[in-house]
């Protein structure tokens, strides 16, 4: 069980994961009800989420500088804080690319990938919530496996989406734009897997 003075870090991880979930749901909502004219408005909302995630990370790093006792190695806390923040950054990056690559029509396989990112982020939130009691958790390893599976599935969708794009789209600018969007959607899934693998590594080191 976590010591009382450890709660600051565990709460920070949970808040960071919550930011990632909020960003993923916003991206999915934007893509499912796609209106290019509203992208700037959505980007402002997304950036506010990203700024909140940054604030959490900075607070955790500031605390690490003076902390005497930490629940895990300082390097592990800093790394997990960093890669949780990366998830939100990557999600924001997808929305940015929809805007500046001038995507006007949504593609169905992109929606599938966005939904996978939502599921991965939700699993990440559950995963970091298990950290304070990781030695007694009955679901932590299962959650790591779930995120790994989602990332593998996202890779498969990415490959087929790219194949379809390059064999059916005659507009080189749209090929370029969607190549960019698909790649960054895949990066979101990769970043979620990085979080899960890092949590798994921390647990193994401290068990």
N, C-alpha and C. Protein backbone atom coordinates (compact mmCIF):
# COMPACT_ATOMS: atom_id res chain seq x y z
N UNK A 1 0.85 -1.20 0.00
CA UNK A 1 0.00 0.00 0.00
C UNK A 1 0.88 1.24 0.00
N UNK A 2 0.49 2.26 -0.71
CA UNK A 2 1.30 3.47 -0.81
C UNK A 2 1.33 4.21 0.53
N UNK A 3 2.48 4.77 0.85
CA UNK A 3 2.58 5.64 2.02
C UNK A 3 1.83 6.94 1.74
N UNK A 4 1.44 7.61 2.81
CA UNK A 4 0.63 8.81 2.66
C UNK A 4 1.34 9.86 1.83
N UNK A 5 2.67 10.02 2.02
CA UNK A 5 3.39 11.06 1.28
C UNK A 5 3.68 10.66 -0.16
N UNK A 6 3.29 9.48 -0.55
CA UNK A 6 3.42 9.05 -1.95
C UNK A 6 2.23 9.52 -2.79
N UNK A 7 1.15 9.91 -2.14
CA UNK A 7 -0.11 10.17 -2.86
C UNK A 7 0.04 11.28 -3.89
N UNK A 8 0.94 12.23 -3.64
CA UNK A 8 1.14 13.33 -4.59
C UNK A 8 1.50 12.79 -5.97
N UNK A 9 2.41 11.82 -6.02
CA UNK A 9 2.86 11.28 -7.31
C UNK A 9 1.78 10.43 -7.96
N UNK A 10 1.13 9.58 -7.18
CA UNK A 10 0.08 8.74 -7.74
C UNK A 10 -1.10 9.57 -8.23
N UNK A 11 -1.43 10.61 -7.49
CA UNK A 11 -2.49 11.52 -7.95
C UNK A 11 -2.09 12.22 -9.23
N UNK A 12 -0.81 12.59 -9.33
CA UNK A 12 -0.32 13.23 -10.54
C UNK A 12 -0.41 12.31 -11.75
N UNK A 13 -0.05 11.05 -11.56
CA UNK A 13 -0.17 10.08 -12.66
C UNK A 13 -1.63 9.95 -13.10
N UNK A 14 -2.53 9.88 -12.12
CA UNK A 14 -3.96 9.73 -12.45
C UNK A 14 -4.49 10.97 -13.18
N UNK A 15 -4.04 12.15 -12.74
CA UNK A 15 -4.48 13.37 -13.41
C UNK A 15 -3.94 13.43 -14.84
N UNK A 16 -2.70 13.03 -15.03
CA UNK A 16 -2.11 13.00 -16.38
C UNK A 16 -2.87 12.04 -17.29
N UNK A 17 -3.20 10.87 -16.75
CA UNK A 17 -3.96 9.90 -17.54
C UNK A 17 -5.35 10.42 -17.86
N UNK A 18 -5.95 11.14 -16.91
CA UNK A 18 -7.27 11.72 -17.15
C UNK A 18 -7.22 12.76 -18.26
N UNK A 19 -6.13 13.53 -18.31
CA UNK A 19 -5.96 14.50 -19.41
C UNK A 19 -5.88 13.78 -20.75
N UNK A 20 -5.14 12.68 -20.79
CA UNK A 20 -5.03 11.91 -22.03
C UNK A 20 -6.39 11.38 -22.46
N UNK A 21 -7.18 10.88 -21.49
CA UNK A 21 -8.52 10.39 -21.81
C UNK A 21 -9.41 11.51 -22.35
N UNK A 22 -9.35 12.65 -21.70
CA UNK A 22 -10.16 13.79 -22.14
C UNK A 22 -9.78 14.20 -23.55
N UNK A 23 -8.48 14.23 -23.84
CA UNK A 23 -8.00 14.59 -25.18
C UNK A 23 -8.45 13.56 -26.20
N UNK A 24 -8.36 12.27 -25.85
CA UNK A 24 -8.75 11.21 -26.78
C UNK A 24 -10.24 11.28 -27.11
N UNK A 25 -11.06 11.52 -26.10
CA UNK A 25 -12.51 11.62 -26.34
C UNK A 25 -12.84 12.84 -27.19
N UNK A 26 -12.14 13.95 -26.94
CA UNK A 26 -12.37 15.14 -27.77
C UNK A 26 -12.00 14.86 -29.22
N UNK A 27 -10.84 14.25 -29.44
CA UNK A 27 -10.42 13.93 -30.81
C UNK A 27 -11.43 13.01 -31.49
N UNK A 28 -11.87 11.98 -30.78
CA UNK A 28 -12.84 11.05 -31.35
C UNK A 28 -14.15 11.75 -31.69
N UNK A 29 -14.62 12.60 -30.78
CA UNK A 29 -15.87 13.34 -31.05
C UNK A 29 -15.74 14.23 -32.28
N UNK A 30 -14.60 14.93 -32.38
CA UNK A 30 -14.36 15.81 -33.53
C UNK A 30 -14.35 15.01 -34.83
N UNK A 31 -13.70 13.86 -34.81
CA UNK A 31 -13.58 13.06 -36.04
C UNK A 31 -14.89 12.40 -36.42
N UNK A 32 -15.67 11.97 -35.44
CA UNK A 32 -16.95 11.30 -35.74
C UNK A 32 -18.01 12.28 -36.22
N UNK A 33 -17.91 13.52 -35.78
CA UNK A 33 -18.86 14.55 -36.22
C UNK A 33 -18.05 15.65 -36.91
N UNK A 34 -17.40 15.27 -38.01
CA UNK A 34 -16.33 16.10 -38.58
C UNK A 34 -16.88 17.33 -39.31
N UNK A 35 -16.37 18.48 -38.89
CA UNK A 35 -16.70 19.76 -39.52
C UNK A 35 -15.43 20.60 -39.58
N UNK A 36 -14.78 20.66 -40.75
CA UNK A 36 -13.52 21.41 -40.86
C UNK A 36 -13.62 22.86 -40.39
N UNK A 37 -14.79 23.45 -40.52
CA UNK A 37 -14.96 24.86 -40.13
C UNK A 37 -14.84 25.06 -38.62
N UNK A 38 -15.00 23.98 -37.84
CA UNK A 38 -14.94 24.10 -36.39
C UNK A 38 -13.59 23.66 -35.81
N UNK A 39 -12.64 23.33 -36.68
CA UNK A 39 -11.38 22.78 -36.19
C UNK A 39 -10.61 23.75 -35.30
N UNK A 40 -10.59 25.03 -35.66
CA UNK A 40 -9.86 26.00 -34.83
C UNK A 40 -10.43 26.05 -33.41
N UNK A 41 -11.73 26.02 -33.31
CA UNK A 41 -12.38 26.02 -31.99
C UNK A 41 -11.98 24.79 -31.19
N UNK A 42 -12.00 23.63 -31.85
CA UNK A 42 -11.64 22.39 -31.18
C UNK A 42 -10.15 22.38 -30.80
N UNK A 43 -9.32 22.98 -31.63
CA UNK A 43 -7.90 23.04 -31.33
C UNK A 43 -7.64 23.84 -30.06
N UNK A 44 -8.39 24.89 -29.85
CA UNK A 44 -8.24 25.69 -28.63
C UNK A 44 -8.62 24.88 -27.40
N UNK A 45 -9.69 24.11 -27.51
CA UNK A 45 -10.10 23.25 -26.40
C UNK A 45 -9.05 22.17 -26.14
N UNK A 46 -8.52 21.61 -27.20
CA UNK A 46 -7.49 20.58 -27.07
C UNK A 46 -6.22 21.15 -26.44
N UNK A 47 -5.86 22.35 -26.84
CA UNK A 47 -4.63 22.95 -26.30
C UNK A 47 -4.78 23.23 -24.81
N UNK A 48 -5.97 23.57 -24.37
CA UNK A 48 -6.20 23.78 -22.94
C UNK A 48 -5.97 22.48 -22.16
N UNK A 49 -6.40 21.37 -22.73
CA UNK A 49 -6.16 20.06 -22.09
C UNK A 49 -4.67 19.78 -22.04
N UNK A 50 -3.99 20.04 -23.16
CA UNK A 50 -2.54 19.79 -23.23
C UNK A 50 -1.79 20.65 -22.22
N UNK A 51 -2.22 21.89 -22.04
CA UNK A 51 -1.58 22.77 -21.06
C UNK A 51 -1.79 22.26 -19.64
N UNK A 52 -2.96 21.74 -19.36
CA UNK A 52 -3.22 21.15 -18.04
C UNK A 52 -2.31 19.96 -17.79
N UNK A 53 -2.11 19.13 -18.82
CA UNK A 53 -1.22 17.99 -18.69
C UNK A 53 0.22 18.44 -18.44
N UNK A 54 0.64 19.48 -19.14
CA UNK A 54 1.98 20.03 -18.93
C UNK A 54 2.15 20.53 -17.51
N UNK A 55 1.12 21.20 -16.99
CA UNK A 55 1.19 21.74 -15.63
C UNK A 55 1.39 20.62 -14.60
N UNK A 56 0.68 19.53 -14.80
CA UNK A 56 0.81 18.39 -13.88
C UNK A 56 2.24 17.85 -13.92
N UNK A 57 2.76 17.70 -15.11
CA UNK A 57 4.12 17.17 -15.24
C UNK A 57 5.13 18.10 -14.57
N UNK A 58 5.01 19.40 -14.80
CA UNK A 58 5.94 20.35 -14.21
C UNK A 58 5.87 20.33 -12.69
N UNK A 59 4.67 20.21 -12.14
CA UNK A 59 4.52 20.15 -10.68
C UNK A 59 5.21 18.91 -10.12
N UNK A 60 5.08 17.79 -10.82
CA UNK A 60 5.71 16.56 -10.35
C UNK A 60 7.23 16.66 -10.40
N UNK A 61 7.74 17.24 -11.46
CA UNK A 61 9.19 17.38 -11.59
C UNK A 61 9.74 18.36 -10.55
N UNK A 62 8.99 19.42 -10.28
CA UNK A 62 9.41 20.37 -9.25
C UNK A 62 9.47 19.69 -7.88
N UNK A 63 8.50 18.85 -7.61
CA UNK A 63 8.47 18.14 -6.33
C UNK A 63 9.64 17.16 -6.21
N UNK A 64 9.99 16.52 -7.32
CA UNK A 64 11.09 15.55 -7.31
C UNK A 64 12.42 16.18 -6.91
N UNK A 65 12.59 17.44 -7.24
CA UNK A 65 13.86 18.13 -6.96
C UNK A 65 14.14 18.15 -5.46
N UNK A 66 13.11 18.32 -4.65
CA UNK A 66 13.30 18.47 -3.21
C UNK A 66 12.83 17.28 -2.39
N UNK A 67 12.20 16.31 -3.03
CA UNK A 67 11.65 15.17 -2.30
C UNK A 67 12.75 14.34 -1.64
N UNK A 68 12.49 13.93 -0.40
CA UNK A 68 13.45 13.09 0.33
C UNK A 68 13.18 11.61 0.08
N UNK A 69 11.89 11.25 0.12
CA UNK A 69 11.48 9.87 -0.12
C UNK A 69 10.47 9.85 -1.26
N UNK A 70 10.63 8.92 -2.19
CA UNK A 70 9.70 8.77 -3.32
C UNK A 70 9.25 7.32 -3.41
N UNK A 71 8.06 7.06 -3.96
CA UNK A 71 7.55 5.68 -4.00
C UNK A 71 8.35 4.76 -4.92
N UNK A 72 8.96 5.33 -5.96
CA UNK A 72 9.80 4.59 -6.89
C UNK A 72 11.08 5.42 -7.11
N UNK A 73 12.00 4.89 -7.90
CA UNK A 73 13.17 5.66 -8.28
C UNK A 73 12.75 6.97 -8.92
N UNK A 74 13.50 8.02 -8.66
CA UNK A 74 13.18 9.33 -9.23
C UNK A 74 13.14 9.26 -10.75
N UNK A 75 14.08 8.52 -11.33
CA UNK A 75 14.14 8.42 -12.79
C UNK A 75 12.88 7.78 -13.35
N UNK A 76 12.33 6.80 -12.64
CA UNK A 76 11.11 6.14 -13.10
C UNK A 76 9.91 7.07 -13.00
N UNK A 77 9.84 7.85 -11.92
CA UNK A 77 8.75 8.81 -11.77
C UNK A 77 8.81 9.85 -12.88
N UNK A 78 10.01 10.37 -13.14
CA UNK A 78 10.18 11.38 -14.19
C UNK A 78 9.82 10.80 -15.55
N UNK A 79 10.24 9.55 -15.80
CA UNK A 79 9.97 8.92 -17.10
C UNK A 79 8.48 8.67 -17.30
N UNK A 80 7.81 8.14 -16.28
CA UNK A 80 6.38 7.87 -16.42
C UNK A 80 5.60 9.17 -16.59
N UNK A 81 5.99 10.20 -15.85
CA UNK A 81 5.33 11.50 -16.01
C UNK A 81 5.51 12.03 -17.42
N UNK A 82 6.71 11.86 -17.96
CA UNK A 82 7.02 12.35 -19.31
C UNK A 82 6.20 11.63 -20.37
N UNK A 83 6.16 10.31 -20.30
CA UNK A 83 5.49 9.57 -21.38
C UNK A 83 3.97 9.65 -21.27
N UNK A 84 3.44 9.86 -20.05
CA UNK A 84 2.00 10.13 -19.94
C UNK A 84 1.67 11.46 -20.64
N UNK A 85 2.52 12.44 -20.44
CA UNK A 85 2.33 13.73 -21.11
C UNK A 85 2.45 13.59 -22.62
N UNK A 86 3.32 12.69 -23.07
CA UNK A 86 3.49 12.46 -24.52
C UNK A 86 2.20 11.99 -25.18
N UNK A 87 1.41 11.20 -24.45
CA UNK A 87 0.15 10.70 -25.02
C UNK A 87 -0.76 11.87 -25.39
N UNK A 88 -0.91 12.81 -24.46
CA UNK A 88 -1.75 13.97 -24.73
C UNK A 88 -1.17 14.82 -25.85
N UNK A 89 0.14 14.99 -25.86
CA UNK A 89 0.79 15.75 -26.93
C UNK A 89 0.52 15.12 -28.30
N UNK A 90 0.61 13.81 -28.39
CA UNK A 90 0.41 13.12 -29.66
C UNK A 90 -1.03 13.24 -30.14
N UNK A 91 -1.97 13.16 -29.20
CA UNK A 91 -3.38 13.31 -29.56
C UNK A 91 -3.64 14.72 -30.10
N UNK A 92 -3.08 15.71 -29.43
CA UNK A 92 -3.21 17.08 -29.93
C UNK A 92 -2.60 17.19 -31.33
N UNK A 93 -1.51 16.47 -31.57
CA UNK A 93 -0.85 16.51 -32.87
C UNK A 93 -1.73 16.02 -34.00
N UNK A 94 -2.58 15.03 -33.73
CA UNK A 94 -3.50 14.55 -34.76
C UNK A 94 -4.48 15.65 -35.16
N UNK A 95 -5.04 16.31 -34.17
CA UNK A 95 -5.99 17.38 -34.46
C UNK A 95 -5.33 18.52 -35.23
N UNK A 96 -4.11 18.87 -34.85
CA UNK A 96 -3.37 19.91 -35.57
C UNK A 96 -3.20 19.54 -37.04
N UNK A 97 -2.91 18.28 -37.29
CA UNK A 97 -2.66 17.86 -38.67
C UNK A 97 -3.93 17.81 -39.50
N UNK A 98 -5.04 17.49 -38.89
CA UNK A 98 -6.31 17.58 -39.62
C UNK A 98 -6.54 19.01 -40.10
N UNK A 99 -6.10 19.96 -39.29
CA UNK A 99 -6.28 21.37 -39.63
C UNK A 99 -5.29 21.83 -40.70
N UNK A 100 -4.00 21.69 -40.42
CA UNK A 100 -3.05 22.31 -41.36
C UNK A 100 -2.77 21.47 -42.61
N UNK A 101 -3.16 20.18 -42.59
CA UNK A 101 -3.11 19.40 -43.84
C UNK A 101 -4.40 19.55 -44.64
N UNK A 102 -5.34 20.35 -44.11
CA UNK A 102 -6.59 20.69 -44.80
C UNK A 102 -7.39 19.44 -45.16
N UNK A 103 -7.60 18.59 -44.17
CA UNK A 103 -8.45 17.42 -44.36
C UNK A 103 -9.90 17.88 -44.36
N UNK A 104 -10.61 17.58 -45.43
CA UNK A 104 -11.99 18.06 -45.58
C UNK A 104 -13.03 16.96 -45.42
N UNK A 105 -12.63 15.70 -45.64
CA UNK A 105 -13.56 14.58 -45.54
C UNK A 105 -12.92 13.49 -44.69
N UNK A 106 -13.67 13.00 -43.72
CA UNK A 106 -13.14 11.99 -42.81
C UNK A 106 -13.17 10.60 -43.46
N UNK A 107 -12.22 9.76 -43.08
CA UNK A 107 -12.13 8.40 -43.59
C UNK A 107 -12.50 7.42 -42.48
N UNK A 108 -13.19 6.35 -42.86
CA UNK A 108 -13.73 5.41 -41.87
C UNK A 108 -12.64 4.73 -41.06
N UNK A 109 -11.54 4.36 -41.71
CA UNK A 109 -10.50 3.66 -40.96
C UNK A 109 -9.80 4.58 -39.95
N UNK A 110 -9.81 5.88 -40.23
CA UNK A 110 -9.27 6.83 -39.26
C UNK A 110 -10.14 6.87 -38.00
N UNK A 111 -11.45 6.73 -38.19
CA UNK A 111 -12.36 6.68 -37.04
C UNK A 111 -12.09 5.44 -36.20
N UNK A 112 -11.80 4.33 -36.87
CA UNK A 112 -11.47 3.10 -36.14
C UNK A 112 -10.22 3.31 -35.28
N UNK A 113 -9.23 3.98 -35.85
CA UNK A 113 -8.00 4.21 -35.11
C UNK A 113 -8.23 5.17 -33.93
N UNK A 114 -9.04 6.19 -34.16
CA UNK A 114 -9.35 7.13 -33.08
C UNK A 114 -10.06 6.42 -31.93
N UNK A 115 -10.97 5.51 -32.25
CA UNK A 115 -11.67 4.76 -31.21
C UNK A 115 -10.70 3.87 -30.44
N UNK A 116 -9.70 3.33 -31.13
CA UNK A 116 -8.69 2.51 -30.46
C UNK A 116 -7.86 3.35 -29.49
N UNK A 117 -7.57 4.58 -29.88
CA UNK A 117 -6.82 5.48 -28.99
C UNK A 117 -7.63 5.77 -27.73
N UNK A 118 -8.94 5.97 -27.89
CA UNK A 118 -9.80 6.18 -26.72
C UNK A 118 -9.73 4.98 -25.79
N UNK A 119 -9.86 3.77 -26.35
CA UNK A 119 -9.83 2.57 -25.51
C UNK A 119 -8.48 2.41 -24.83
N UNK A 120 -7.41 2.70 -25.54
CA UNK A 120 -6.07 2.59 -24.95
C UNK A 120 -5.90 3.58 -23.80
N UNK A 121 -6.37 4.79 -23.99
CA UNK A 121 -6.26 5.80 -22.92
C UNK A 121 -7.09 5.42 -21.70
N UNK A 122 -8.26 4.85 -21.93
CA UNK A 122 -9.08 4.42 -20.80
C UNK A 122 -8.40 3.30 -20.02
N UNK A 123 -7.73 2.40 -20.72
CA UNK A 123 -6.97 1.34 -20.04
C UNK A 123 -5.79 1.94 -19.28
N UNK A 124 -5.14 2.95 -19.86
CA UNK A 124 -4.03 3.61 -19.18
C UNK A 124 -4.51 4.24 -17.88
N UNK A 125 -5.66 4.87 -17.90
CA UNK A 125 -6.21 5.49 -16.69
C UNK A 125 -6.46 4.43 -15.62
N UNK A 126 -6.99 3.29 -16.02
CA UNK A 126 -7.20 2.20 -15.06
C UNK A 126 -5.87 1.67 -14.55
N UNK A 127 -4.90 1.61 -15.43
CA UNK A 127 -3.59 1.06 -15.08
C UNK A 127 -2.89 1.90 -14.03
N UNK A 128 -2.84 3.21 -14.23
CA UNK A 128 -2.13 4.05 -13.25
C UNK A 128 -2.92 4.12 -11.94
N UNK A 129 -4.24 3.92 -12.00
CA UNK A 129 -5.03 3.88 -10.77
C UNK A 129 -4.67 2.67 -9.91
N UNK A 130 -4.11 1.63 -10.55
CA UNK A 130 -3.71 0.43 -9.83
C UNK A 130 -2.32 0.56 -9.20
N UNK A 131 -1.57 1.56 -9.56
CA UNK A 131 -0.19 1.67 -9.10
C UNK A 131 -0.04 1.72 -7.58
N UNK A 132 -0.84 2.47 -6.85
CA UNK A 132 -0.63 2.53 -5.40
C UNK A 132 -0.69 1.16 -4.70
N UNK A 133 -1.46 0.23 -5.28
CA UNK A 133 -1.56 -1.10 -4.66
C UNK A 133 -1.08 -2.18 -5.61
N UNK A 134 0.00 -1.87 -6.36
CA UNK A 134 0.43 -2.77 -7.43
C UNK A 134 0.80 -4.16 -6.93
N UNK A 135 1.26 -4.28 -5.68
CA UNK A 135 1.67 -5.60 -5.18
C UNK A 135 0.47 -6.50 -4.93
N UNK A 136 -0.71 -5.91 -4.78
CA UNK A 136 -1.92 -6.71 -4.52
C UNK A 136 -2.91 -6.65 -5.67
N UNK A 137 -2.56 -5.93 -6.72
CA UNK A 137 -3.50 -5.76 -7.83
C UNK A 137 -3.70 -7.06 -8.60
N UNK A 138 -4.96 -7.35 -8.89
CA UNK A 138 -5.29 -8.54 -9.67
C UNK A 138 -5.55 -8.21 -11.14
N UNK A 139 -5.52 -6.92 -11.47
CA UNK A 139 -5.88 -6.52 -12.84
C UNK A 139 -4.74 -5.81 -13.57
N UNK A 140 -3.67 -5.44 -12.89
CA UNK A 140 -2.64 -4.62 -13.51
C UNK A 140 -2.02 -5.29 -14.73
N UNK A 141 -1.63 -6.54 -14.59
CA UNK A 141 -1.02 -7.25 -15.72
C UNK A 141 -2.00 -7.40 -16.88
N UNK A 142 -3.25 -7.63 -16.56
CA UNK A 142 -4.27 -7.75 -17.60
C UNK A 142 -4.44 -6.43 -18.36
N UNK A 143 -4.36 -5.32 -17.64
CA UNK A 143 -4.49 -4.01 -18.28
C UNK A 143 -3.30 -3.72 -19.20
N UNK A 144 -2.11 -4.10 -18.76
CA UNK A 144 -0.92 -3.95 -19.62
C UNK A 144 -1.12 -4.74 -20.92
N UNK A 145 -1.59 -5.97 -20.78
CA UNK A 145 -1.84 -6.82 -21.96
C UNK A 145 -2.89 -6.20 -22.86
N UNK A 146 -3.94 -5.62 -22.29
CA UNK A 146 -5.00 -4.99 -23.08
C UNK A 146 -4.43 -3.85 -23.94
N UNK A 147 -3.59 -3.01 -23.33
CA UNK A 147 -3.00 -1.89 -24.08
C UNK A 147 -2.09 -2.41 -25.19
N UNK A 148 -1.31 -3.44 -24.90
CA UNK A 148 -0.46 -4.04 -25.92
C UNK A 148 -1.27 -4.57 -27.09
N UNK A 149 -2.40 -5.19 -26.78
CA UNK A 149 -3.27 -5.75 -27.82
C UNK A 149 -3.88 -4.64 -28.67
N UNK A 150 -4.33 -3.57 -28.02
CA UNK A 150 -4.91 -2.45 -28.77
C UNK A 150 -3.87 -1.86 -29.71
N UNK A 151 -2.62 -1.73 -29.23
CA UNK A 151 -1.56 -1.16 -30.08
C UNK A 151 -1.30 -2.06 -31.29
N UNK A 152 -1.30 -3.37 -31.08
CA UNK A 152 -1.10 -4.31 -32.18
C UNK A 152 -2.24 -4.20 -33.20
N UNK A 153 -3.46 -4.12 -32.70
CA UNK A 153 -4.61 -3.96 -33.59
C UNK A 153 -4.54 -2.64 -34.37
N UNK A 154 -4.10 -1.59 -33.70
CA UNK A 154 -3.96 -0.29 -34.36
C UNK A 154 -2.92 -0.35 -35.47
N UNK A 155 -1.85 -1.10 -35.24
CA UNK A 155 -0.83 -1.28 -36.27
C UNK A 155 -1.43 -1.94 -37.51
N UNK A 156 -2.26 -2.95 -37.30
CA UNK A 156 -2.89 -3.65 -38.42
C UNK A 156 -3.83 -2.73 -39.20
N UNK A 157 -4.62 -1.93 -38.48
CA UNK A 157 -5.51 -0.98 -39.14
C UNK A 157 -4.70 0.05 -39.91
N UNK A 158 -3.61 0.51 -39.33
CA UNK A 158 -2.74 1.48 -39.98
C UNK A 158 -2.19 0.94 -41.31
N UNK A 159 -1.71 -0.27 -41.29
CA UNK A 159 -1.14 -0.87 -42.51
C UNK A 159 -2.19 -0.96 -43.61
N UNK A 160 -3.38 -1.44 -43.27
CA UNK A 160 -4.44 -1.58 -44.27
C UNK A 160 -4.95 -0.21 -44.73
N UNK A 161 -5.01 0.75 -43.80
CA UNK A 161 -5.45 2.10 -44.17
C UNK A 161 -4.47 2.74 -45.15
N UNK A 162 -3.18 2.55 -44.90
CA UNK A 162 -2.17 3.11 -45.80
C UNK A 162 -2.22 2.44 -47.16
N UNK A 163 -2.44 1.14 -47.16
CA UNK A 163 -2.56 0.41 -48.42
C UNK A 163 -3.75 0.92 -49.23
N UNK A 164 -4.90 1.07 -48.57
CA UNK A 164 -6.09 1.57 -49.24
C UNK A 164 -5.88 2.99 -49.76
N UNK A 165 -5.25 3.82 -48.94
CA UNK A 165 -4.98 5.20 -49.34
C UNK A 165 -4.14 5.25 -50.61
N UNK A 166 -3.08 4.50 -50.63
CA UNK A 166 -2.14 4.58 -51.76
C UNK A 166 -2.64 3.86 -53.01
N UNK A 167 -3.65 3.02 -52.87
CA UNK A 167 -4.16 2.30 -54.06
C UNK A 167 -5.47 2.85 -54.57
N UNK A 168 -6.12 3.73 -53.82
CA UNK A 168 -7.42 4.22 -54.25
C UNK A 168 -7.51 5.74 -54.38
N UNK A 169 -6.59 6.46 -53.78
CA UNK A 169 -6.66 7.92 -53.80
C UNK A 169 -5.78 8.48 -54.91
N UNK A 170 -6.37 9.28 -55.79
CA UNK A 170 -5.64 9.85 -56.93
C UNK A 170 -5.13 11.27 -56.66
N UNK A 171 -5.48 11.83 -55.54
CA UNK A 171 -5.07 13.20 -55.20
C UNK A 171 -3.80 13.15 -54.35
N UNK A 172 -2.65 13.53 -54.91
CA UNK A 172 -1.39 13.43 -54.16
C UNK A 172 -1.38 14.25 -52.87
N UNK A 173 -2.10 15.37 -52.85
CA UNK A 173 -2.14 16.18 -51.64
C UNK A 173 -2.92 15.47 -50.53
N UNK A 174 -3.98 14.78 -50.90
CA UNK A 174 -4.73 14.02 -49.90
C UNK A 174 -3.94 12.80 -49.42
N UNK A 175 -3.19 12.19 -50.32
CA UNK A 175 -2.32 11.09 -49.91
C UNK A 175 -1.32 11.58 -48.88
N UNK A 176 -0.71 12.72 -49.14
CA UNK A 176 0.26 13.31 -48.20
C UNK A 176 -0.42 13.62 -46.87
N UNK A 177 -1.59 14.26 -46.93
CA UNK A 177 -2.29 14.67 -45.72
C UNK A 177 -2.65 13.47 -44.86
N UNK A 178 -3.23 12.45 -45.48
CA UNK A 178 -3.67 11.30 -44.70
C UNK A 178 -2.51 10.43 -44.23
N UNK A 179 -1.44 10.41 -44.98
CA UNK A 179 -0.23 9.73 -44.50
C UNK A 179 0.19 10.33 -43.16
N UNK A 180 0.16 11.65 -43.09
CA UNK A 180 0.53 12.38 -41.87
C UNK A 180 -0.43 12.07 -40.73
N UNK A 181 -1.73 12.09 -41.01
CA UNK A 181 -2.73 11.86 -39.97
C UNK A 181 -2.67 10.42 -39.46
N UNK A 182 -2.62 9.47 -40.39
CA UNK A 182 -2.56 8.06 -39.99
C UNK A 182 -1.33 7.78 -39.13
N UNK A 183 -0.21 8.34 -39.55
CA UNK A 183 1.03 8.08 -38.81
C UNK A 183 0.94 8.61 -37.39
N UNK A 184 0.31 9.73 -37.21
CA UNK A 184 0.21 10.30 -35.87
C UNK A 184 -0.87 9.61 -35.03
N UNK A 185 -1.88 9.08 -35.65
CA UNK A 185 -2.83 8.24 -34.91
C UNK A 185 -2.13 6.98 -34.41
N UNK A 186 -1.29 6.39 -35.25
CA UNK A 186 -0.53 5.22 -34.83
C UNK A 186 0.41 5.59 -33.68
N UNK A 187 0.99 6.78 -33.74
CA UNK A 187 1.90 7.22 -32.68
C UNK A 187 1.17 7.32 -31.35
N UNK A 188 -0.08 7.74 -31.38
CA UNK A 188 -0.86 7.79 -30.13
C UNK A 188 -0.95 6.41 -29.49
N UNK A 189 -1.25 5.41 -30.31
CA UNK A 189 -1.33 4.05 -29.78
C UNK A 189 0.03 3.57 -29.28
N UNK A 190 1.09 3.91 -30.01
CA UNK A 190 2.45 3.55 -29.59
C UNK A 190 2.78 4.18 -28.24
N UNK A 191 2.40 5.43 -28.06
CA UNK A 191 2.68 6.14 -26.80
C UNK A 191 1.92 5.50 -25.64
N UNK A 192 0.69 5.07 -25.88
CA UNK A 192 -0.06 4.38 -24.84
C UNK A 192 0.64 3.07 -24.45
N UNK A 193 1.12 2.35 -25.44
CA UNK A 193 1.84 1.11 -25.14
C UNK A 193 3.11 1.41 -24.34
N UNK A 194 3.77 2.51 -24.65
CA UNK A 194 4.98 2.89 -23.91
C UNK A 194 4.65 3.13 -22.45
N UNK A 195 3.52 3.75 -22.17
CA UNK A 195 3.09 3.94 -20.79
C UNK A 195 2.89 2.60 -20.11
N UNK A 196 2.16 1.70 -20.77
CA UNK A 196 1.88 0.40 -20.18
C UNK A 196 3.16 -0.38 -19.92
N UNK A 197 4.08 -0.37 -20.86
CA UNK A 197 5.34 -1.10 -20.70
C UNK A 197 6.18 -0.49 -19.59
N UNK A 198 6.14 0.83 -19.45
CA UNK A 198 6.90 1.49 -18.39
C UNK A 198 6.33 1.15 -17.02
N UNK A 199 5.01 1.18 -16.90
CA UNK A 199 4.37 0.77 -15.64
C UNK A 199 4.75 -0.67 -15.32
N UNK A 200 4.70 -1.53 -16.31
CA UNK A 200 5.06 -2.94 -16.11
C UNK A 200 6.49 -3.06 -15.62
N UNK A 201 7.38 -2.29 -16.20
CA UNK A 201 8.80 -2.33 -15.78
C UNK A 201 8.98 -1.83 -14.35
N UNK A 202 8.28 -0.75 -13.99
CA UNK A 202 8.36 -0.21 -12.63
C UNK A 202 7.87 -1.25 -11.62
N UNK A 203 6.78 -1.91 -11.94
CA UNK A 203 6.23 -2.92 -11.05
C UNK A 203 7.22 -4.06 -10.87
N UNK A 204 7.81 -4.51 -11.96
CA UNK A 204 8.77 -5.61 -11.88
C UNK A 204 9.98 -5.23 -11.03
N UNK A 205 10.45 -4.01 -11.14
CA UNK A 205 11.61 -3.55 -10.37
C UNK A 205 11.32 -3.41 -8.89
N UNK A 206 10.05 -3.18 -8.55
CA UNK A 206 9.70 -2.90 -7.16
C UNK A 206 8.91 -4.02 -6.48
N UNK A 207 8.84 -5.15 -7.14
CA UNK A 207 8.10 -6.29 -6.57
C UNK A 207 9.03 -7.20 -5.78
